[in-house]
Amino acid sequence: MLKWLIVLLITVFVAGIFLPRLAALLRIGRWPGDISFRFRGRQYNFPFGTTVLLSLLATLLFRLI
């Protein structure tokens, strides 16, 4: 059990490092349907379009498997 927890923590750590760079490379969060605005000097992003698209892709992938 402890081994799986350590593997999970390492995976989350590595994903936290690489996913923002991958998202910037693939322009995830800047597709049609994504809302982004600035309020009081902070940037807020709501990736509705990206979420729907990734959900559809995951559904198709799991139905094929």
N, C-alpha and C. Protein backbone atom coordinates (compact mmCIF):
# COMPACT_ATOMS: atom_id res chain seq x y z
N MET A 1 0.83 -1.19 0.00
CA MET A 1 0.00 0.00 0.00
C MET A 1 0.87 1.26 0.00
N LEU A 2 1.91 1.25 0.82
CA LEU A 2 2.78 2.40 0.90
C LEU A 2 3.52 2.62 -0.41
N LYS A 3 3.88 1.53 -1.08
CA LYS A 3 4.58 1.65 -2.35
C LYS A 3 3.70 2.36 -3.39
N TRP A 4 2.41 2.03 -3.43
CA TRP A 4 1.50 2.67 -4.38
C TRP A 4 1.32 4.15 -4.07
N LEU A 5 1.31 4.49 -2.80
CA LEU A 5 1.18 5.89 -2.40
C LEU A 5 2.40 6.68 -2.84
N ILE A 6 3.58 6.12 -2.68
CA ILE A 6 4.81 6.79 -3.10
C ILE A 6 4.82 6.96 -4.62
N VAL A 7 4.41 5.93 -5.35
CA VAL A 7 4.35 6.02 -6.82
C VAL A 7 3.36 7.10 -7.23
N LEU A 8 2.22 7.18 -6.58
CA LEU A 8 1.21 8.19 -6.88
C LEU A 8 1.74 9.59 -6.62
N LEU A 9 2.41 9.79 -5.50
CA LEU A 9 2.96 11.10 -5.17
C LEU A 9 4.04 11.52 -6.16
N ILE A 10 4.89 10.60 -6.56
CA ILE A 10 5.93 10.92 -7.55
C ILE A 10 5.29 11.26 -8.89
N THR A 11 4.26 10.53 -9.28
CA THR A 11 3.57 10.79 -10.54
C THR A 11 2.92 12.17 -10.53
N VAL A 12 2.26 12.52 -9.45
CA VAL A 12 1.64 13.84 -9.34
C VAL A 12 2.70 14.94 -9.36
N PHE A 13 3.82 14.72 -8.72
CA PHE A 13 4.91 15.69 -8.71
C PHE A 13 5.46 15.92 -10.11
N VAL A 14 5.73 14.83 -10.82
CA VAL A 14 6.27 14.94 -12.19
C VAL A 14 5.25 15.58 -13.12
N ALA A 15 3.98 15.21 -12.97
CA ALA A 15 2.93 15.81 -13.80
C ALA A 15 2.81 17.31 -13.53
N GLY A 16 2.97 17.70 -12.28
CA GLY A 16 2.91 19.12 -11.94
C GLY A 16 4.03 19.92 -12.56
N ILE A 17 5.16 19.27 -12.82
CA ILE A 17 6.28 19.96 -13.46
C ILE A 17 6.08 20.05 -14.97
N PHE A 18 5.66 18.94 -15.59
CA PHE A 18 5.63 18.88 -17.05
C PHE A 18 4.31 19.31 -17.68
N LEU A 19 3.19 19.17 -17.02
CA LEU A 19 1.91 19.50 -17.64
C LEU A 19 1.75 20.98 -18.01
N PRO A 20 2.19 21.93 -17.19
CA PRO A 20 2.07 23.33 -17.64
C PRO A 20 2.88 23.61 -18.91
N ARG A 21 4.04 23.01 -19.03
CA ARG A 21 4.84 23.21 -20.25
C ARG A 21 4.18 22.55 -21.45
N LEU A 22 3.63 21.36 -21.25
CA LEU A 22 2.94 20.67 -22.33
C LEU A 22 1.68 21.43 -22.73
N ALA A 23 0.96 21.97 -21.76
CA ALA A 23 -0.24 22.75 -22.05
C ALA A 23 0.10 24.00 -22.85
N ALA A 24 1.21 24.65 -22.53
CA ALA A 24 1.63 25.82 -23.29
C ALA A 24 2.03 25.44 -24.70
N LEU A 25 2.67 24.30 -24.84
CA LEU A 25 3.10 23.84 -26.16
C LEU A 25 1.91 23.49 -27.04
N LEU A 26 0.90 22.83 -26.48
CA LEU A 26 -0.28 22.43 -27.24
C LEU A 26 -1.37 23.50 -27.27
N ARG A 27 -1.11 24.63 -26.61
CA ARG A 27 -2.05 25.74 -26.53
C ARG A 27 -3.36 25.32 -25.87
N ILE A 28 -3.29 24.40 -24.92
CA ILE A 28 -4.48 23.99 -24.18
C ILE A 28 -4.90 25.16 -23.29
N GLY A 29 -6.17 25.45 -23.28
CA GLY A 29 -6.68 26.58 -22.52
C GLY A 29 -6.86 27.82 -23.36
N ARG A 30 -6.53 27.74 -24.63
CA ARG A 30 -6.69 28.88 -25.54
C ARG A 30 -7.52 28.50 -26.75
N TRP A 31 -8.36 27.52 -26.61
CA TRP A 31 -9.20 27.06 -27.71
C TRP A 31 -10.54 27.76 -27.63
N PRO A 32 -11.33 27.73 -28.71
CA PRO A 32 -12.66 28.35 -28.67
C PRO A 32 -13.51 27.74 -27.55
N GLY A 33 -14.20 28.58 -26.83
CA GLY A 33 -15.01 28.13 -25.71
C GLY A 33 -14.32 28.31 -24.38
N ASP A 34 -13.04 28.65 -24.39
CA ASP A 34 -12.31 28.90 -23.15
C ASP A 34 -12.43 30.37 -22.79
N ILE A 35 -12.67 30.64 -21.53
CA ILE A 35 -12.85 32.01 -21.06
C ILE A 35 -11.64 32.39 -20.22
N SER A 36 -11.09 33.56 -20.51
CA SER A 36 -9.94 34.06 -19.77
C SER A 36 -10.14 35.55 -19.54
N PHE A 37 -9.95 35.99 -18.31
CA PHE A 37 -10.07 37.42 -18.04
C PHE A 37 -9.14 37.82 -16.90
N ARG A 38 -8.90 39.12 -16.82
CA ARG A 38 -8.02 39.68 -15.81
C ARG A 38 -8.87 40.54 -14.87
N PHE A 39 -8.69 40.32 -13.57
CA PHE A 39 -9.45 41.07 -12.58
C PHE A 39 -8.51 41.44 -11.43
N ARG A 40 -8.37 42.71 -11.17
CA ARG A 40 -7.51 43.23 -10.10
C ARG A 40 -6.09 42.69 -10.19
N GLY A 41 -5.56 42.65 -11.40
CA GLY A 41 -4.18 42.24 -11.61
C GLY A 41 -3.92 40.75 -11.61
N ARG A 42 -4.97 39.94 -11.54
CA ARG A 42 -4.80 38.48 -11.57
C ARG A 42 -5.48 37.92 -12.81
N GLN A 43 -4.90 36.88 -13.36
CA GLN A 43 -5.43 36.22 -14.55
C GLN A 43 -6.27 35.02 -14.12
N TYR A 44 -7.50 34.93 -14.61
CA TYR A 44 -8.40 33.82 -14.32
C TYR A 44 -8.72 33.10 -15.62
N ASN A 45 -8.60 31.78 -15.63
CA ASN A 45 -8.87 30.98 -16.81
C ASN A 45 -9.95 29.96 -16.48
N PHE A 46 -10.91 29.83 -17.40
CA PHE A 46 -11.96 28.82 -17.29
C PHE A 46 -12.00 28.06 -18.60
N PRO A 47 -11.30 26.93 -18.69
CA PRO A 47 -11.17 26.20 -19.96
C PRO A 47 -12.36 25.28 -20.24
N PHE A 48 -13.53 25.87 -20.47
CA PHE A 48 -14.73 25.06 -20.72
C PHE A 48 -14.61 24.27 -22.02
N GLY A 49 -14.18 24.91 -23.09
CA GLY A 49 -14.06 24.23 -24.38
C GLY A 49 -13.03 23.12 -24.34
N THR A 50 -11.90 23.37 -23.72
CA THR A 50 -10.85 22.36 -23.61
C THR A 50 -11.34 21.16 -22.79
N THR A 51 -12.07 21.43 -21.72
CA THR A 51 -12.59 20.36 -20.87
C THR A 51 -13.56 19.47 -21.64
N VAL A 52 -14.44 20.07 -22.42
CA VAL A 52 -15.40 19.29 -23.21
C VAL A 52 -14.67 18.45 -24.24
N LEU A 53 -13.70 19.05 -24.94
CA LEU A 53 -12.96 18.33 -25.96
C LEU A 53 -12.17 17.16 -25.37
N LEU A 54 -11.47 17.38 -24.27
CA LEU A 54 -10.70 16.31 -23.65
C LEU A 54 -11.62 15.22 -23.09
N SER A 55 -12.79 15.60 -22.60
CA SER A 55 -13.75 14.62 -22.12
C SER A 55 -14.26 13.74 -23.26
N LEU A 56 -14.54 14.35 -24.40
CA LEU A 56 -14.98 13.58 -25.56
C LEU A 56 -13.89 12.62 -26.04
N LEU A 57 -12.65 13.10 -26.07
CA LEU A 57 -11.54 12.24 -26.48
C LEU A 57 -11.35 11.07 -25.51
N ALA A 58 -11.46 11.33 -24.22
CA ALA A 58 -11.32 10.25 -23.23
C ALA A 58 -12.46 9.25 -23.36
N THR A 59 -13.67 9.73 -23.60
CA THR A 59 -14.81 8.83 -23.77
C THR A 59 -14.61 7.94 -24.99
N LEU A 60 -14.19 8.52 -26.10
CA LEU A 60 -13.94 7.73 -27.30
C LEU A 60 -12.83 6.70 -27.07
N LEU A 61 -11.79 7.11 -26.38
CA LEU A 61 -10.68 6.21 -26.12
C LEU A 61 -11.12 5.02 -25.26
N PHE A 62 -11.89 5.28 -24.21
CA PHE A 62 -12.32 4.20 -23.33
C PHE A 62 -13.37 3.30 -23.97
N ARG A 63 -14.13 3.83 -24.90
CA ARG A 63 -15.10 2.98 -25.61
C ARG A 63 -14.40 2.06 -26.60
N LEU A 64 -13.26 2.50 -27.13
CA LEU A 64 -12.52 1.67 -28.07
C LEU A 64 -11.77 0.54 -27.36
N ILE A 65 -11.41 0.76 -26.11
CA ILE A 65 -10.64 -0.25 -25.37
C ILE A 65 -11.53 -1.33 -24.82
